[in-house]
Amino acid sequence: MEIHPIKLRKLQFLFVLLFFMPSYMYALMQTDKPRILLTVDRSPLKRLDDFRFGNRINTRSEAIRRLLEGALKKYEKDDKNNRKKGS
C-alpha cells in the first residue's frame, strides 16, 4: 500500500510536532527565575482570570506577578506608616 506524497508530508509534520516540538518549546521557556507552584480554589482562579482579561494581560503568571507586586507595595507602604506612628 502506497501513501500519497502529500499525506506522507502531513504525517511527517505531525510526527515532528508531537515528538520534537514539546522539548524544543520547553527549552525556549526555561528561565533562571525561581518558580513556585500555587494551588487555589475555583473562585479565586475565576477572579484572577477576570482581572487578567479585564486588563488584557496575556498569561496568568503575569497577572499574578502584577497583583503580587501591587499587594507588596501596599504592604510596604502601610508597614512604613505604622512604624512612623509607633515611634
C-alpha atoms as a PDB file:
ATOM      1  CA  MET A   1       0.000   0.000   0.000  1.00  0.00           C
ATOM      2  CA  GLU A   2       1.458   3.310  -1.100  1.00  0.00           C
ATOM      3  CA  ILE A   3       0.808   6.580   0.745  1.00  0.00           C
ATOM      4  CA  HIS A   4       0.179   9.691  -1.296  1.00  0.00           C
ATOM      5  CA  PRO A   5       3.179  12.105  -1.030  1.00  0.00           C
ATOM      6  CA  ILE A   6       1.072  14.950   0.397  1.00  0.00           C
ATOM      7  CA  LYS A   7      -0.437  12.685   3.060  1.00  0.00           C
ATOM      8  CA  LEU A   8       3.037  11.413   3.885  1.00  0.00           C
ATOM      9  CA  ARG A   9       4.259  15.016   4.332  1.00  0.00           C
ATOM     10  CA  LYS A  10       1.351  15.753   6.673  1.00  0.00           C
ATOM     11  CA  LEU A  11       2.141  12.656   8.713  1.00  0.00           C
ATOM     12  CA  GLN A  12       5.812  13.607   8.928  1.00  0.00           C
ATOM     13  CA  PHE A  13       4.850  17.122  10.033  1.00  0.00           C
ATOM     14  CA  LEU A  14       2.543  15.765  12.743  1.00  0.00           C
ATOM     15  CA  PHE A  15       5.280  13.418  13.929  1.00  0.00           C
ATOM     16  CA  VAL A  16       7.683  16.329  14.303  1.00  0.00           C
ATOM     17  CA  LEU A  17       5.078  18.398  16.169  1.00  0.00           C
ATOM     18  CA  LEU A  18       4.162  15.615  18.555  1.00  0.00           C
ATOM     19  CA  PHE A  19       7.635  14.371  19.416  1.00  0.00           C
ATOM     20  CA  PHE A  20      10.109  17.188  18.919  1.00  0.00           C
ATOM     21  CA  MET A  21       8.280  20.464  19.484  1.00  0.00           C
ATOM     22  CA  PRO A  22       7.436  19.952  23.183  1.00  0.00           C
ATOM     23  CA  SER A  23      11.108  19.578  24.096  1.00  0.00           C
ATOM     24  CA  TYR A  24      12.051  22.499  21.844  1.00  0.00           C
ATOM     25  CA  MET A  25       9.338  24.691  23.390  1.00  0.00           C
ATOM     26  CA  TYR A  26      10.446  23.671  26.884  1.00  0.00           C
ATOM     27  CA  ALA A  27      13.991  24.760  26.050  1.00  0.00           C
ATOM     28  CA  LEU A  28      12.665  28.150  24.925  1.00  0.00           C
ATOM     29  CA  MET A  29      10.629  28.553  28.107  1.00  0.00           C
ATOM     30  CA  GLN A  30      13.472  27.778  30.507  1.00  0.00           C
ATOM     31  CA  THR A  31      14.392  30.591  32.843  1.00  0.00           C
ATOM     32  CA  ASP A  32      16.784  31.257  35.685  1.00  0.00           C
ATOM     33  CA  LYS A  33      13.957  32.776  37.710  1.00  0.00           C
ATOM     34  CA  PRO A  34      12.684  30.717  40.637  1.00  0.00           C
ATOM     35  CA  ARG A  35       9.327  29.024  40.103  1.00  0.00           C
ATOM     36  CA  ILE A  36       6.528  28.401  42.548  1.00  0.00           C
ATOM     37  CA  LEU A  37       3.507  26.139  42.419  1.00  0.00           C
ATOM     38  CA  LEU A  38       0.282  27.799  43.525  1.00  0.00           C
ATOM     39  CA  THR A  39      -2.894  25.878  44.254  1.00  0.00           C
ATOM     40  CA  VAL A  40      -6.148  27.833  44.521  1.00  0.00           C
ATOM     41  CA  ASP A  41      -9.869  27.154  44.598  1.00  0.00           C
ATOM     42  CA  ARG A  42     -12.058  27.883  41.591  1.00  0.00           C
ATOM     43  CA  SER A  43     -13.412  31.182  42.932  1.00  0.00           C
ATOM     44  CA  PRO A  44     -10.041  32.987  43.255  1.00  0.00           C
ATOM     45  CA  LEU A  45      -8.989  31.487  39.919  1.00  0.00           C
ATOM     46  CA  LYS A  46     -12.073  32.932  38.234  1.00  0.00           C
ATOM     47  CA  ARG A  47     -11.377  36.312  39.865  1.00  0.00           C
ATOM     48  CA  LEU A  48      -7.779  36.110  38.649  1.00  0.00           C
ATOM     49  CA  ASP A  49      -8.935  35.346  35.113  1.00  0.00           C
ATOM     50  CA  ASP A  50     -11.451  38.223  35.261  1.00  0.00           C
ATOM     51  CA  PHE A  51      -8.638  40.561  36.343  1.00  0.00           C
ATOM     52  CA  ARG A  52      -6.385  39.164  33.627  1.00  0.00           C
ATOM     53  CA  PHE A  53      -8.879  39.579  30.796  1.00  0.00           C
ATOM     54  CA  GLY A  54     -10.102  42.947  32.084  1.00  0.00           C
ATOM     55  CA  ASN A  55      -6.530  44.258  31.987  1.00  0.00           C
ATOM     56  CA  ARG A  56      -5.574  42.477  28.755  1.00  0.00           C
ATOM     57  CA  ILE A  57      -2.795  40.501  30.410  1.00  0.00           C
ATOM     58  CA  ASN A  58      -1.501  37.614  28.291  1.00  0.00           C
ATOM     59  CA  THR A  59      -0.855  34.996  30.972  1.00  0.00           C
ATOM     60  CA  ARG A  60      -1.989  34.018  34.438  1.00  0.00           C
ATOM     61  CA  SER A  61       1.624  34.203  35.578  1.00  0.00           C
ATOM     62  CA  GLU A  62       1.872  37.849  34.552  1.00  0.00           C
ATOM     63  CA  ALA A  63      -1.462  38.634  36.239  1.00  0.00           C
ATOM     64  CA  ILE A  64      -0.229  37.017  39.455  1.00  0.00           C
ATOM     65  CA  ARG A  65       3.065  38.959  39.260  1.00  0.00           C
ATOM     66  CA  ARG A  66       1.210  42.268  38.866  1.00  0.00           C
ATOM     67  CA  LEU A  67      -1.195  41.554  41.710  1.00  0.00           C
ATOM     68  CA  LEU A  68       1.638  40.395  43.962  1.00  0.00           C
ATOM     69  CA  GLU A  69       3.739  43.465  43.178  1.00  0.00           C
ATOM     70  CA  GLY A  70       0.795  45.781  43.934  1.00  0.00           C
ATOM     71  CA  ALA A  71      -0.010  43.992  47.193  1.00  0.00           C
ATOM     72  CA  LEU A  72       3.632  44.078  48.325  1.00  0.00           C
ATOM     73  CA  LYS A  73       3.928  47.809  47.564  1.00  0.00           C
ATOM     74  CA  LYS A  74       0.769  48.462  49.593  1.00  0.00           C
ATOM     75  CA  TYR A  75       2.060  46.295  52.449  1.00  0.00           C
ATOM     76  CA  GLU A  76       5.417  48.091  52.485  1.00  0.00           C
ATOM     77  CA  LYS A  77       3.717  51.494  52.438  1.00  0.00           C
ATOM     78  CA  ASP A  78       1.349  50.519  55.281  1.00  0.00           C
ATOM     79  CA  ASP A  79       4.219  48.998  57.267  1.00  0.00           C
ATOM     80  CA  LYS A  80       6.281  52.161  56.864  1.00  0.00           C
ATOM     81  CA  ASN A  81       3.341  54.329  58.013  1.00  0.00           C
ATOM     82  CA  ASN A  82       2.758  52.054  61.047  1.00  0.00           C
ATOM     83  CA  ARG A  83       6.408  52.345  62.057  1.00  0.00           C
ATOM     84  CA  LYS A  84       6.212  56.140  61.913  1.00  0.00           C
ATOM     85  CA  LYS A  85       3.100  56.138  64.137  1.00  0.00           C
ATOM     86  CA  GLY A  86       4.754  53.781  66.625  1.00  0.00           C
ATOM     87  CA  SER A  87       7.899  55.890  67.062  1.00  0.00           C
END
